[in-house]
Each structure stands twice: as C-alpha cells, then as structure tokens.
Amino acid sequence: MEERRKAKRMPLRLKLKISELYKQDNVKIENINAPIEVVNISKIGIGFKSESVLPVGYYFNAAINFGGKETIHTVVKIIRSQPMDDRVTMYGCEFVGMAEILSYLFDEYGLKLLEEGVQI
C-alpha cells in the first residue's frame, strides 16, 4: 500500500486538556475541560484520543513540548474523528499557521526516537 501521508507520524505520549474550542466565525465553546491523550505527532499535525466528544472543524490552542527546553505554541484544527469503542474517540488534527522554522524540532525528536530504538 502506498503511503499517502505528507509527513511521518512519530509516537508521542502527552496529556493535554482542552478548555475551549472555537471556529473562525467567532463561534466559541468554553469550559470544556476535555482531557486528551496525544498518541502521535508529525510536522503536519497530531493524533489524540479522548473520552470527550469534540466537533470536527473546530480549533484549539496547544502548547507541545518534546521534553526539551522549547515549547511549540500552535493552533490545532480537528479534521476527523473515529470512534474506537463506546467510550473513546480517536481524533486527527492539523497544525494551523505553524512557522516552518519550527520543523527542526520535529527532526530532532525523530532522531531522538531512532537513537532510542523506536520504529517510526
């Protein structure tokens, strides 16, 4: 099967909490407090799972740290959801407006994983 992804997914275990979602037309959902578990990341976006039901097409702010000094502050758009079971849904998201210069952080993280023997 031909790989269609624009960037390699790398495993990442990170827990975040979404406090609000918004759309470009000033629609806002506040006080969500939805815990999410990020399971993979790429230069294009993240995959996460949650017990909360989150709407596709909405955005949230995220601060992502790979374990080093630098943290990426970015906007994330939910582009797809897929139920995993009765309680958990897997979400696919893309980064919006992330500066290309930050791509070196993903490269460094990928090298770190390879050094640790993690298959990416």
Protein backbone atom coordinates (compact mmCIF):
# COMPACT_ATOMS: atom_id res chain seq x y z
CA MET A 1 0.00 0.00 0.00
CA GLU A 2 1.37 3.41 -0.96
CA GLU A 3 2.00 5.89 1.86
CA ARG A 4 -0.15 8.99 1.31
CA ARG A 5 0.87 11.00 4.34
CA LYS A 6 2.77 14.24 3.88
CA ALA A 7 4.92 13.64 6.98
CA LYS A 8 5.93 10.67 9.14
CA ARG A 9 3.95 10.10 12.30
CA MET A 10 6.03 9.68 15.41
CA PRO A 11 4.80 8.27 18.71
CA LEU A 12 4.35 10.81 21.47
CA ARG A 13 2.78 10.33 24.88
CA LEU A 14 1.47 13.63 26.13
CA LYS A 15 -1.60 14.54 28.13
CA LEU A 16 -3.30 17.87 27.49
CA LYS A 17 -6.59 19.46 28.46
CA ILE A 18 -8.74 21.40 26.00
CA SER A 19 -10.51 24.22 27.82
CA GLU A 20 -12.20 25.87 24.82
CA LEU A 21 -12.86 25.32 21.15
CA TYR A 22 -13.59 27.93 18.53
CA LYS A 23 -14.44 28.36 14.87
CA GLN A 24 -13.37 31.12 12.52
CA ASP A 25 -16.83 32.70 12.54
CA ASN A 26 -16.47 33.58 16.26
CA VAL A 27 -18.38 30.52 17.47
CA LYS A 28 -16.84 29.52 20.78
CA ILE A 29 -17.39 26.57 23.13
CA GLU A 30 -16.00 27.31 26.59
CA ASN A 31 -15.47 25.39 29.83
CA ILE A 32 -14.93 22.07 28.06
CA ASN A 33 -12.12 20.71 30.26
CA ALA A 34 -11.71 17.74 27.94
CA PRO A 35 -8.66 15.64 28.81
CA ILE A 36 -6.89 14.28 25.74
CA GLU A 37 -4.00 11.87 25.25
CA VAL A 38 -1.76 12.70 22.29
CA VAL A 39 -0.61 9.42 20.71
CA ASN A 40 1.31 10.62 17.66
CA ILE A 41 2.68 13.74 16.07
CA SER A 42 4.10 14.85 12.73
CA LYS A 43 5.15 18.13 11.18
CA ILE A 44 1.59 18.38 9.87
CA GLY A 45 -0.47 17.62 13.00
CA ILE A 46 -1.33 15.38 15.92
CA GLY A 47 -3.46 12.35 16.65
CA PHE A 48 -5.12 12.09 20.03
CA LYS A 49 -7.78 10.14 21.83
CA SER A 50 -10.37 11.36 24.29
CA GLU A 51 -13.50 10.26 26.08
CA SER A 52 -14.97 13.68 25.27
CA VAL A 53 -16.99 14.23 22.10
CA LEU A 54 -15.37 17.11 20.20
CA PRO A 55 -16.72 18.65 16.99
CA VAL A 56 -14.81 18.35 13.71
CA GLY A 57 -13.91 21.68 12.14
CA TYR A 58 -13.17 23.44 15.43
CA TYR A 59 -9.82 24.81 16.62
CA PHE A 60 -7.95 24.90 19.92
CA ASN A 61 -4.67 26.29 21.20
CA ALA A 62 -1.93 23.83 22.18
CA ALA A 63 1.47 24.02 23.83
CA ILE A 64 3.58 20.99 22.86
CA ASN A 65 6.93 20.09 24.40
CA PHE A 66 9.07 17.15 23.28
CA GLY A 67 10.88 17.00 26.63
CA GLY A 68 13.43 19.73 25.91
CA LYS A 69 13.66 23.44 26.56
CA GLU A 70 11.49 24.61 23.68
CA THR A 71 7.70 24.52 23.59
CA ILE A 72 5.67 24.90 20.41
CA HIS A 73 2.61 27.13 20.79
CA THR A 74 0.25 26.48 17.91
CA VAL A 75 -3.36 26.39 16.78
CA VAL A 76 -4.75 22.93 16.06
CA LYS A 77 -7.77 22.15 13.86
CA ILE A 78 -9.77 18.96 14.41
CA ILE A 79 -10.19 17.44 10.93
CA ARG A 80 -11.55 13.96 11.64
CA SER A 81 -12.89 11.71 14.39
CA GLN A 82 -13.29 7.96 14.59
CA PRO A 83 -14.90 6.07 17.48
CA MET A 84 -12.56 3.44 18.93
CA ASP A 85 -15.09 1.92 21.33
CA ASP A 86 -18.10 3.00 23.40
CA ARG A 87 -16.05 5.48 25.45
CA VAL A 88 -13.03 6.64 23.42
CA THR A 89 -12.77 8.53 20.12
CA MET A 90 -9.60 8.98 18.07
CA TYR A 91 -9.12 12.44 16.53
CA GLY A 92 -6.90 13.63 13.71
CA CYS A 93 -5.80 17.24 13.73
CA GLU A 94 -3.65 19.57 11.67
CA PHE A 95 -1.47 22.45 12.79
CA VAL A 96 -2.63 25.82 11.51
CA GLY A 97 -0.15 28.60 10.83
CA MET A 98 2.86 26.96 12.46
CA ALA A 99 6.12 28.61 11.42
CA GLU A 100 8.16 26.40 9.07
CA ILE A 101 11.28 27.25 11.05
CA LEU A 102 9.98 25.07 13.90
CA SER A 103 10.25 21.92 11.76
CA TYR A 104 13.75 21.31 13.15
CA LEU A 105 12.13 20.40 16.49
CA PHE A 106 10.30 17.52 14.79
CA ASP A 107 13.52 16.41 13.07
CA GLU A 108 15.39 16.41 16.38
CA TYR A 109 12.59 14.48 18.07
CA GLY A 110 12.62 11.90 15.25
CA LEU A 111 16.40 11.44 15.63
CA LYS A 112 16.00 11.04 19.38
CA LEU A 113 13.40 8.30 18.84
CA LEU A 114 15.67 6.48 16.39
CA GLU A 115 18.55 6.64 18.89
CA GLU A 116 16.24 5.08 21.48
CA GLY A 117 15.38 2.28 19.03
CA VAL A 118 11.79 3.40 18.42
CA GLN A 119 10.45 2.49 14.99
CA ILE A 120 8.95 5.49 13.21
